[in-house]
């Protein structure tokens, strides 16, 4: 595989521009596709005028992205095939990024066009699975070998459970509100264009703000990870290793590395291994279903020793050349992820002092590679915020008018959005990507059911059908686009 190291050529810069344009387009469409999750309730209860609602929501989406932790971004990256992540600067790596973004754009735009709320999270993750399956097929490995099934399972569990939480919790919250707050105005539908009383307006504006902020902090991160992969592949000299890593952090990491090395050497024994064999052994271990064998420990000890050697040669990352930074990122990613997997739930290392030392070391390694530059956050925030302010009406109409048989009441809107806000914020803390669309739509349906308002079966069938089809459709899209993109990129750069 050819790596794009050194000064980028004109063709490479064109590739970079195209990839970034796709990534920013994905976030913009994500913005106007998911706007309804925050603004439908305030618009359909006459709390805010539509243009005020979407601008307000856009501002808080923007803020949520800027203040996000980045944990969800790296959860998305962890779903990708290991060999493509560590070799993102290859033709296959770029084909992967283009396939993911094109597949997500196509399905998001199609579902928005017909006015069906669909999940951007399911769309992106389905594309990731498709790329992984096609990658294993093209490389002659067992089908599905390139997919991190463990991470996919955890992510889909969160995505499947969250709408159930939305439906049940929003319905229960409405019933609790009816029991505790006896003011009948809260449970009435709006009359004409008359806005609700001031305290109801404040409540609904607060929930709109919360959902908008939570959407930005969770959904906004999904494009960040892909943008970072793009930048690392094209400009490893700048982005492979966190440039903010200080000499003091390097020194502490080296000291911890020496302590960890003693533990790893005890597991590895006196066996030797080559650099390619070590990388392959750790990559195999990180794939779902792989178990630690003797070669895994030998590889881990070898790669950790190499990390110590590389970082000891330079006080800060700026002193390393492009090739060294690319190599260091690969080793840091493999060693950090392997140690985390080995210590999780007492899988391999169980002695408390060793687990604490290893986990601390893994966090030090992760800090060197898992970072989001402020310009990436700002660019994604801007795209998501702008997207929120356009194209909002199609999905808003579906949520506001076509889920329940009765008009949305103030209490129903508040209940659905409070639950959505709380669920997304909890997922954000845990670093789990969830679907704002699924939670809010399920929440509205839950309040309609709890209120006895009735549900529109045809709309619900269409929504559920879109939810069911999202993953298989995007798996096929991701797989097909990856195969086609790989051929195009490899021909473009003359790689066989």
Protein backbone atom coordinates (compact mmCIF):
# COMPACT_ATOMS: atom_id res chain seq x y z
CA UNK A 1 0.00 0.00 0.00
CA UNK A 2 1.26 3.47 -0.88
CA UNK A 3 1.36 6.02 1.94
CA UNK A 4 0.98 9.74 1.38
CA UNK A 5 4.06 10.87 3.30
CA UNK A 6 6.20 13.91 2.72
CA UNK A 7 5.07 17.02 0.87
CA UNK A 8 1.60 16.38 -0.59
CA UNK A 9 1.27 16.54 -4.37
CA UNK A 10 -1.40 18.52 -6.20
CA UNK A 11 -3.41 15.34 -6.69
CA UNK A 12 -3.22 14.54 -2.98
CA UNK A 13 -4.37 18.05 -2.08
CA UNK A 14 -7.31 17.68 -4.47
CA UNK A 15 -8.14 14.41 -2.70
CA UNK A 16 -7.93 16.21 0.64
CA UNK A 17 -10.23 18.99 -0.53
CA UNK A 18 -12.75 16.49 -1.88
CA UNK A 19 -12.74 14.43 1.32
CA UNK A 20 -13.18 17.50 3.52
CA UNK A 21 -15.97 18.80 1.29
CA UNK A 22 -17.80 15.48 1.70
CA UNK A 23 -17.26 15.48 5.47
CA UNK A 24 -18.59 19.02 5.83
CA UNK A 25 -21.53 18.21 3.55
CA UNK A 26 -22.36 15.21 5.75
CA UNK A 27 -22.48 17.43 8.84
CA UNK A 28 -24.59 20.08 7.06
CA UNK A 29 -27.15 17.49 5.95
CA UNK A 30 -27.04 15.97 9.42
CA UNK A 31 -27.98 19.43 10.71
CA UNK A 32 -31.08 20.01 8.59
CA UNK A 33 -32.04 16.32 8.69
CA UNK A 34 -32.11 16.26 12.49
CA UNK A 35 -33.32 19.83 13.15
CA UNK A 36 -36.86 18.57 13.70
CA UNK A 37 -35.74 16.73 16.82
CA UNK A 38 -35.30 20.02 18.61
CA UNK A 39 -37.67 22.48 16.95
CA UNK A 40 -40.81 20.48 16.13
CA UNK A 41 -42.28 20.87 19.61
CA UNK A 42 -41.64 24.61 19.96
CA UNK A 43 -43.01 25.27 16.46
CA UNK A 44 -46.14 23.14 16.81
CA UNK A 45 -46.96 24.59 20.23
CA UNK A 46 -46.53 28.18 18.93
CA UNK A 47 -43.78 28.71 21.48
CA UNK A 48 -41.39 30.17 18.90
CA UNK A 49 -41.77 31.34 15.32
CA UNK A 50 -40.17 28.80 12.93
CA UNK A 51 -37.30 31.09 11.86
CA UNK A 52 -36.50 31.98 15.47
CA UNK A 53 -36.65 28.30 16.49
CA UNK A 54 -34.23 27.08 13.82
CA UNK A 55 -31.76 29.92 14.39
CA UNK A 56 -31.89 29.34 18.16
CA UNK A 57 -31.44 25.59 17.65
CA UNK A 58 -28.57 26.22 15.24
CA UNK A 59 -26.75 28.35 17.80
CA UNK A 60 -27.01 25.65 20.47
CA UNK A 61 -26.04 22.89 18.04
CA UNK A 62 -22.96 24.99 17.30
CA UNK A 63 -22.23 25.40 21.02
CA UNK A 64 -22.70 21.68 21.71
CA UNK A 65 -20.12 20.74 19.09
CA UNK A 66 -17.56 23.22 20.39
CA UNK A 67 -17.88 21.97 23.97
CA UNK A 68 -17.99 18.25 23.14
CA UNK A 69 -15.48 15.86 24.65
CA UNK A 70 -14.57 13.94 21.48
CA UNK A 71 -15.31 10.57 23.10
CA UNK A 72 -18.06 9.71 20.60
CA UNK A 73 -15.74 10.58 17.68
CA UNK A 74 -13.22 7.99 18.83
CA UNK A 75 -15.96 5.41 19.45
CA UNK A 76 -16.90 5.77 15.77
CA UNK A 77 -13.24 5.39 14.73
CA UNK A 78 -12.97 2.23 16.87
CA UNK A 79 -15.69 0.61 14.72
CA UNK A 80 -13.55 0.85 11.59
CA UNK A 81 -11.33 -2.02 10.39
CA UNK A 82 -8.10 -1.83 12.40
CA UNK A 83 -5.80 -2.15 9.39
CA UNK A 84 -7.52 0.75 7.63
CA UNK A 85 -7.33 2.96 10.71
CA UNK A 86 -3.61 2.39 11.23
CA UNK A 87 -2.96 2.70 7.49
CA UNK A 88 -5.39 5.50 6.80
CA UNK A 89 -2.86 7.23 4.56
CA UNK A 90 -3.15 4.51 1.92
CA UNK A 91 -5.39 4.27 -1.11
CA UNK A 92 -7.62 1.84 0.81
CA UNK A 93 -7.81 4.26 3.72
CA UNK A 94 -9.05 7.06 1.51
CA UNK A 95 -11.46 4.78 -0.32
CA UNK A 96 -12.89 3.91 3.11
CA UNK A 97 -13.45 7.54 4.06
CA UNK A 98 -15.05 8.41 0.72
CA UNK A 99 -17.31 5.33 0.86
CA UNK A 100 -18.51 6.12 4.39
CA UNK A 101 -19.32 9.73 3.60
CA UNK A 102 -20.97 9.07 0.23
CA UNK A 103 -23.15 6.26 1.64
CA UNK A 104 -24.24 8.40 4.60
CA UNK A 105 -24.98 11.39 2.37
CA UNK A 106 -27.08 9.37 -0.08
CA UNK A 107 -29.31 7.74 2.55
CA UNK A 108 -29.66 10.84 4.74
CA UNK A 109 -30.69 12.96 1.76
CA UNK A 110 -33.12 10.31 0.47
CA UNK A 111 -34.93 9.93 3.81
CA UNK A 112 -35.02 13.70 4.32
CA UNK A 113 -36.48 14.22 0.84
CA UNK A 114 -39.46 11.97 1.60
CA UNK A 115 -39.84 13.48 5.07
CA UNK A 116 -39.05 10.34 7.11
CA UNK A 117 -37.06 10.75 10.33
CA UNK A 118 -34.07 8.40 10.04
CA UNK A 119 -30.93 7.96 12.09
CA UNK A 120 -27.64 9.51 10.93
CA UNK A 121 -25.92 7.25 13.48
CA UNK A 122 -27.38 4.06 12.01
CA UNK A 123 -26.52 5.36 8.55
CA UNK A 124 -22.85 5.93 9.34
CA UNK A 125 -22.41 2.71 11.31
CA UNK A 126 -24.11 0.63 8.62
CA UNK A 127 -21.66 2.12 6.12
CA UNK A 128 -18.75 1.20 8.41
CA UNK A 129 -19.91 -2.42 8.57
CA UNK A 130 -20.22 -2.50 4.77
CA UNK A 131 -16.68 -1.20 4.33
CA UNK A 132 -15.36 -3.78 6.79
CA UNK A 133 -17.12 -6.66 5.05
CA UNK A 134 -15.91 -5.61 1.61
CA UNK A 135 -12.38 -5.03 2.93
CA UNK A 136 -12.19 -8.60 4.25
CA UNK A 137 -13.62 -9.97 0.98
CA UNK A 138 -11.16 -8.07 -1.24
CA UNK A 139 -8.20 -9.17 0.89
CA UNK A 140 -9.15 -12.86 0.76
CA UNK A 141 -9.78 -13.14 4.49
CA UNK A 142 -12.78 -14.80 6.18
CA UNK A 143 -15.89 -12.75 5.43
CA UNK A 144 -16.43 -10.15 8.15
CA UNK A 145 -12.92 -10.52 9.54
CA UNK A 146 -12.29 -6.77 9.20
CA UNK A 147 -15.30 -5.71 11.27
CA UNK A 148 -14.89 -4.93 14.97
CA UNK A 149 -18.00 -6.90 15.92
CA UNK A 150 -17.56 -6.30 19.65
CA UNK A 151 -17.71 -2.54 19.20
CA UNK A 152 -20.52 -2.85 16.65
CA UNK A 153 -22.53 -4.90 19.17
CA UNK A 154 -22.04 -2.33 21.95
CA UNK A 155 -22.93 0.56 19.65
CA UNK A 156 -26.04 -1.06 18.19
CA UNK A 157 -27.18 -2.03 21.67
CA UNK A 158 -27.16 1.66 22.60
CA UNK A 159 -28.89 2.61 19.34
CA UNK A 160 -31.61 -0.02 19.78
CA UNK A 161 -32.25 0.55 23.48
CA UNK A 162 -32.38 4.36 23.31
CA UNK A 163 -35.68 4.60 21.33
CA UNK A 164 -37.29 2.16 23.77
CA UNK A 165 -36.13 4.41 26.57
CA UNK A 166 -37.55 7.38 24.66
CA UNK A 167 -40.99 5.76 24.19
CA UNK A 168 -41.39 4.42 27.72
CA UNK A 169 -39.75 7.26 29.66
CA UNK A 170 -41.55 10.05 27.78
CA UNK A 171 -44.91 8.33 28.29
CA UNK A 172 -44.22 7.83 32.00
CA UNK A 173 -43.01 11.41 32.41
CA UNK A 174 -46.24 12.69 30.88
CA UNK A 175 -48.31 10.61 33.30
CA UNK A 176 -46.20 11.82 36.25
CA UNK A 177 -46.66 15.42 35.13
CA UNK A 178 -50.42 14.90 34.95
CA UNK A 179 -50.40 13.58 38.52
CA UNK A 180 -48.16 16.30 39.98
CA UNK A 181 -49.02 19.37 37.89
CA UNK A 182 -52.79 19.83 37.71
CA UNK A 183 -52.82 22.99 35.58
CA UNK A 184 -55.06 22.04 32.62
CA UNK A 185 -53.38 24.53 30.27
CA UNK A 186 -50.29 22.31 30.15
CA UNK A 187 -52.27 19.45 28.60
CA UNK A 188 -54.12 21.48 26.00
CA UNK A 189 -53.37 21.82 22.31
CA UNK A 190 -52.52 25.30 21.04
CA UNK A 191 -55.43 27.45 19.89
CA UNK A 192 -54.74 28.93 16.49
CA UNK A 193 -51.48 30.89 16.50
CA UNK A 194 -51.75 31.89 20.16
CA UNK A 195 -48.55 31.16 22.11
CA UNK A 196 -48.77 29.35 25.46
CA UNK A 197 -48.55 31.11 28.83
CA UNK A 198 -45.08 32.40 29.76
CA UNK A 199 -44.02 29.56 32.06
CA UNK A 200 -44.90 26.90 29.48
CA UNK A 201 -42.97 28.85 26.84
CA UNK A 202 -39.91 28.97 29.11
CA UNK A 203 -40.16 25.22 29.73
CA UNK A 204 -40.40 24.39 26.02
CA UNK A 205 -37.60 26.79 25.03
CA UNK A 206 -35.38 25.20 27.69
CA UNK A 207 -36.08 21.68 26.38
CA UNK A 208 -35.48 22.84 22.79
CA UNK A 209 -32.18 24.34 23.91
CA UNK A 210 -31.18 21.18 25.74
CA UNK A 211 -31.94 18.85 22.82
CA UNK A 212 -30.14 21.17 20.39
CA UNK A 213 -27.06 21.31 22.61
CA UNK A 214 -27.11 17.54 23.19
CA UNK A 215 -27.53 16.86 19.47
CA UNK A 216 -24.51 19.01 18.71
CA UNK A 217 -22.38 17.41 21.43
CA UNK A 218 -23.21 13.85 20.26
CA UNK A 219 -24.03 13.92 16.53
CA UNK A 220 -21.45 16.58 15.77
CA UNK A 221 -18.69 14.25 16.84
CA UNK A 222 -19.49 11.62 14.23
CA UNK A 223 -17.87 13.64 11.48
CA UNK A 224 -14.96 14.75 13.66
CA UNK A 225 -13.40 11.30 13.79
CA UNK A 226 -13.58 10.94 10.02
CA UNK A 227 -12.10 14.39 9.46
CA UNK A 228 -9.21 13.51 11.75
CA UNK A 229 -8.58 10.31 9.77
CA UNK A 230 -8.49 12.41 6.60
CA UNK A 231 -6.00 14.86 8.08
CA UNK A 232 -3.81 12.12 9.56
CA UNK A 233 -3.68 10.34 6.21
CA UNK A 234 -2.74 13.44 4.19
CA UNK A 235 -0.66 15.39 6.72
CA UNK A 236 0.79 12.93 9.26
CA UNK A 237 3.59 15.35 10.07
CA UNK A 238 1.01 17.66 11.66
CA UNK A 239 -1.87 15.46 12.81
CA UNK A 240 -0.60 11.91 13.49
CA UNK A 241 0.43 12.84 17.03
CA UNK A 242 -1.16 15.51 19.20
CA UNK A 243 1.09 18.55 18.67
CA UNK A 244 0.11 19.84 22.12
CA UNK A 245 1.87 16.89 23.79
CA UNK A 246 4.47 18.49 26.07
CA UNK A 247 7.99 17.36 26.92
CA UNK A 248 6.80 16.69 30.48
CA UNK A 249 4.01 14.42 29.22
CA UNK A 250 6.49 12.57 27.03
CA UNK A 251 8.85 12.08 29.97
CA UNK A 252 6.05 10.75 32.19
CA UNK A 253 4.88 8.43 29.44
CA UNK A 254 8.39 7.03 28.95
CA UNK A 255 8.74 6.43 32.71
CA UNK A 256 5.39 4.60 32.81
CA UNK A 257 6.37 2.66 29.69
CA UNK A 258 9.40 1.21 31.47
CA UNK A 259 7.21 0.00 34.37
CA UNK A 260 4.70 -1.51 31.95
CA UNK A 261 7.47 -3.16 29.94
CA UNK A 262 8.42 -5.35 32.90
CA UNK A 263 4.84 -6.70 33.07
CA UNK A 264 4.71 -7.32 29.32
CA UNK A 265 8.14 -8.98 29.19
CA UNK A 266 7.04 -11.40 31.92
CA UNK A 267 4.11 -12.43 29.71
CA UNK A 268 6.15 -12.53 26.49
CA UNK A 269 9.14 -14.51 27.74
CA UNK A 270 12.23 -14.61 25.52
CA UNK A 271 10.44 -15.03 22.17
CA UNK A 272 11.23 -12.67 19.31
CA UNK A 273 9.07 -11.24 16.55
CA UNK A 274 9.47 -9.01 13.49
CA UNK A 275 7.81 -5.60 13.10
CA UNK A 276 5.25 -6.74 10.46
CA UNK A 277 4.41 -9.83 12.52
CA UNK A 278 3.90 -7.71 15.65
CA UNK A 279 1.53 -5.33 13.87
CA UNK A 280 -0.42 -8.23 12.38
CA UNK A 281 -0.68 -10.02 15.74
CA UNK A 282 -2.11 -6.99 17.54
CA UNK A 283 -4.46 -6.19 14.66
CA UNK A 284 -5.80 -9.75 14.79
CA UNK A 285 -6.29 -9.52 18.55
CA UNK A 286 -8.26 -6.30 18.27
CA UNK A 287 -10.72 -7.82 15.82
CA UNK A 288 -13.81 -9.33 17.35
CA UNK A 289 -13.44 -12.94 18.39
CA UNK A 290 -9.63 -12.91 18.48
CA UNK A 291 -8.11 -14.31 21.65
CA UNK A 292 -4.76 -13.50 23.22
CA UNK A 293 -2.11 -16.08 22.35
CA UNK A 294 1.61 -16.16 23.03
CA UNK A 295 2.32 -14.14 19.89
CA UNK A 296 -0.03 -11.39 21.14
CA UNK A 297 2.03 -10.82 24.27
CA UNK A 298 5.30 -11.00 22.33
CA UNK A 299 3.95 -8.44 19.85
CA UNK A 300 2.69 -6.16 22.62
CA UNK A 301 6.03 -6.21 24.41
CA UNK A 302 7.86 -5.55 21.12
CA UNK A 303 5.65 -2.64 20.03
CA UNK A 304 5.76 -1.05 23.48
CA UNK A 305 9.55 -1.21 23.44
CA UNK A 306 9.53 0.50 20.05
CA UNK A 307 7.29 3.28 21.37
CA UNK A 308 9.73 3.95 24.19
CA UNK A 309 12.62 4.03 21.74
CA UNK A 310 10.91 6.48 19.37
CA UNK A 311 9.69 8.96 21.99
CA UNK A 312 12.97 8.82 23.91
CA UNK A 313 14.73 10.13 20.80
CA UNK A 314 12.76 13.41 20.80
CA UNK A 315 11.61 15.63 23.69
CA UNK A 316 8.43 16.65 21.82
CA UNK A 317 6.53 15.31 18.76
CA UNK A 318 7.70 18.31 16.73
CA UNK A 319 11.21 16.82 16.73
CA UNK A 320 10.05 13.67 14.90
CA UNK A 321 9.90 13.48 11.11
CA UNK A 322 6.73 12.56 9.19
CA UNK A 323 7.55 8.85 8.89
CA UNK A 324 8.38 8.60 12.61
CA UNK A 325 5.13 10.26 13.60
CA UNK A 326 3.12 7.95 11.34
CA UNK A 327 4.92 4.92 12.76
CA UNK A 328 4.50 6.15 16.32
CA UNK A 329 0.77 6.73 15.84
CA UNK A 330 0.32 3.18 14.56
CA UNK A 331 2.17 1.67 17.51
CA UNK A 332 0.46 3.91 20.08
CA UNK A 333 -2.97 3.03 18.66
CA UNK A 334 -2.29 -0.71 18.67
CA UNK A 335 -0.68 -0.86 22.11
CA UNK A 336 -3.24 1.43 23.77
CA UNK A 337 -6.24 -0.42 22.30
CA UNK A 338 -4.73 -3.84 23.09
CA UNK A 339 -4.03 -2.96 26.73
CA UNK A 340 -7.53 -1.54 27.14
CA UNK A 341 -9.06 -4.74 25.77
CA UNK A 342 -6.84 -6.94 27.96
CA UNK A 343 -7.78 -5.11 31.15
CA UNK A 344 -11.50 -4.72 30.42
CA UNK A 345 -13.56 -6.77 32.86
CA UNK A 346 -10.53 -8.68 34.08
CA UNK A 347 -10.18 -10.34 30.68
CA UNK A 348 -6.47 -11.10 31.05
CA UNK A 349 -4.85 -8.87 33.67
CA UNK A 350 -6.65 -9.14 36.99
CA UNK A 351 -4.19 -8.01 39.68
CA UNK A 352 -5.48 -4.55 40.80
CA UNK A 353 -2.09 -2.79 40.88
CA UNK A 354 -1.20 -4.07 37.40
CA UNK A 355 -4.61 -3.13 36.00
CA UNK A 356 -4.33 0.39 37.43
CA UNK A 357 -0.84 0.84 35.97
CA UNK A 358 -1.83 -0.53 32.55
CA UNK A 359 -5.02 1.54 32.36
CA UNK A 360 -3.13 4.67 33.33
CA UNK A 361 -0.58 3.97 30.62
CA UNK A 362 -3.32 3.35 28.03
CA UNK A 363 -4.81 6.76 28.85
CA UNK A 364 -1.40 8.39 28.39
CA UNK A 365 -1.08 6.76 24.97
CA UNK A 366 -4.63 7.66 23.97
CA UNK A 367 -3.99 11.32 24.79
CA UNK A 368 -1.27 11.34 22.12
CA UNK A 369 -3.58 10.27 19.29
CA UNK A 370 -7.20 10.86 20.36
CA UNK A 371 -7.56 14.61 20.09
CA UNK A 372 -9.67 17.06 18.12
CA UNK A 373 -8.08 20.37 17.01
CA UNK A 374 -10.22 23.43 17.65
CA UNK A 375 -10.48 24.22 13.93
CA UNK A 376 -12.09 20.81 13.30
CA UNK A 377 -14.63 21.44 16.07
CA UNK A 378 -15.33 24.92 14.75
CA UNK A 379 -15.76 23.75 11.14
CA UNK A 380 -18.10 20.90 12.13
CA UNK A 381 -20.02 23.21 14.48
CA UNK A 382 -20.46 25.76 11.70
CA UNK A 383 -21.69 23.14 9.20
CA UNK A 384 -24.07 21.57 11.71
CA UNK A 385 -25.36 24.98 12.81
CA UNK A 386 -25.92 26.18 9.23
CA UNK A 387 -27.56 22.88 8.33
CA UNK A 388 -29.91 23.27 11.28
CA UNK A 389 -31.16 26.56 9.84
CA UNK A 390 -32.11 25.15 6.41
CA UNK A 391 -34.23 22.31 5.12
CA UNK A 392 -35.97 21.76 8.44
CA UNK A 393 -39.63 21.75 7.38
CA UNK A 394 -40.03 18.25 5.87
CA UNK A 395 -39.15 16.31 9.04
CA UNK A 396 -40.82 18.86 11.35
CA UNK A 397 -44.17 18.30 9.64
CA UNK A 398 -43.84 14.52 10.09
CA UNK A 399 -43.07 14.76 13.80
CA UNK A 400 -45.54 17.54 14.54
CA UNK A 401 -48.53 16.32 12.54
CA UNK A 402 -48.20 12.72 11.40
CA UNK A 403 -47.17 10.63 14.43
CA UNK A 404 -50.21 11.13 16.66
CA UNK A 405 -53.86 11.47 15.67
CA UNK A 406 -54.24 14.54 17.87
CA UNK A 407 -52.28 17.79 17.91
CA UNK A 408 -49.17 17.83 20.08
CA UNK A 409 -49.86 19.33 23.52
CA UNK A 410 -47.43 21.42 25.56
CA UNK A 411 -46.84 18.64 28.08
CA UNK A 412 -46.26 16.06 25.35
CA UNK A 413 -43.66 18.25 23.66
CA UNK A 414 -41.88 18.96 26.94
CA UNK A 415 -41.91 15.29 28.04
CA UNK A 416 -40.47 14.01 24.75
CA UNK A 417 -37.72 16.63 24.68
CA UNK A 418 -36.73 16.28 28.36
CA UNK A 419 -36.26 12.53 27.90
CA UNK A 420 -34.37 13.04 24.62
CA UNK A 421 -32.10 15.63 26.24
CA UNK A 422 -31.32 13.41 29.24
CA UNK A 423 -30.73 10.28 27.15
CA UNK A 424 -28.34 11.95 24.70
CA UNK A 425 -26.38 13.68 27.47
CA UNK A 426 -25.97 10.33 29.28
CA UNK A 427 -24.77 8.67 26.06
CA UNK A 428 -22.36 11.54 25.48
CA UNK A 429 -20.78 11.02 28.91
CA UNK A 430 -20.38 7.30 28.13
CA UNK A 431 -18.97 8.02 24.67
CA UNK A 432 -21.82 6.19 22.90
CA UNK A 433 -23.31 7.37 19.60
CA UNK A 434 -27.11 7.39 19.80
CA UNK A 435 -29.82 8.56 17.45
CA UNK A 436 -31.44 11.86 18.35
CA UNK A 437 -34.07 11.15 15.71
CA UNK A 438 -35.03 7.76 17.12
CA UNK A 439 -35.24 8.98 20.71
CA UNK A 440 -37.32 12.09 19.99
CA UNK A 441 -39.65 10.36 17.52
CA UNK A 442 -40.17 7.47 19.94
CA UNK A 443 -40.70 9.97 22.76
CA UNK A 444 -43.47 11.77 20.85
CA UNK A 445 -45.10 8.42 20.05
CA UNK A 446 -44.81 7.41 23.72
CA UNK A 447 -46.59 10.55 24.90
CA UNK A 448 -49.35 10.05 22.34
CA UNK A 449 -49.85 6.46 23.54
CA UNK A 450 -49.80 7.46 27.22
CA UNK A 451 -52.27 10.28 26.57
CA UNK A 452 -54.63 8.02 24.62
CA UNK A 453 -54.32 10.35 21.63
CA UNK A 454 -53.83 7.52 19.17
CA UNK A 455 -51.05 6.89 16.66
CA UNK A 456 -51.10 7.16 12.87
CA UNK A 457 -50.29 3.62 11.77
CA UNK A 458 -49.19 4.51 8.22
CA UNK A 459 -46.64 7.07 9.40
CA UNK A 460 -45.28 4.73 12.04
CA UNK A 461 -44.99 1.92 9.47
CA UNK A 462 -43.00 4.21 7.17
CA UNK A 463 -40.72 5.35 10.00
CA UNK A 464 -40.11 1.81 11.26
CA UNK A 465 -39.51 0.61 7.69
CA UNK A 466 -36.90 3.35 7.22
CA UNK A 467 -35.28 2.38 10.52
CA UNK A 468 -35.20 -1.29 9.54
CA UNK A 469 -33.85 -0.60 6.05
CA UNK A 470 -31.21 1.94 7.10
CA UNK A 471 -28.59 -0.57 8.20
CA UNK A 472 -28.85 -3.14 5.34
CA UNK A 473 -29.10 -0.41 2.69
CA UNK A 474 -26.07 1.48 4.00
CA UNK A 475 -24.12 -1.78 4.45
CA UNK A 476 -24.56 -2.44 0.71
CA UNK A 477 -23.88 1.19 -0.16
CA UNK A 478 -20.74 1.27 1.97
CA UNK A 479 -19.46 -2.02 0.57
CA UNK A 480 -20.13 -1.11 -3.07
CA UNK A 481 -18.73 2.40 -2.80
CA UNK A 482 -15.62 1.14 -1.01
CA UNK A 483 -14.88 -1.37 -3.78
CA UNK A 484 -15.48 1.23 -6.48
CA UNK A 485 -13.59 3.94 -4.61
CA UNK A 486 -10.64 1.66 -3.98
CA UNK A 487 -10.31 1.05 -7.70
CA UNK A 488 -10.54 4.76 -8.50
CA UNK A 489 -8.07 5.87 -5.82
CA UNK A 490 -5.58 3.15 -6.63
CA UNK A 491 -5.70 3.99 -10.34
CA UNK A 492 -5.39 7.69 -9.54
CA UNK A 493 -2.18 7.11 -7.60
CA UNK A 494 -0.87 4.29 -9.77
CA UNK A 495 -0.93 1.74 -6.93
CA UNK A 496 -1.56 -1.93 -7.61
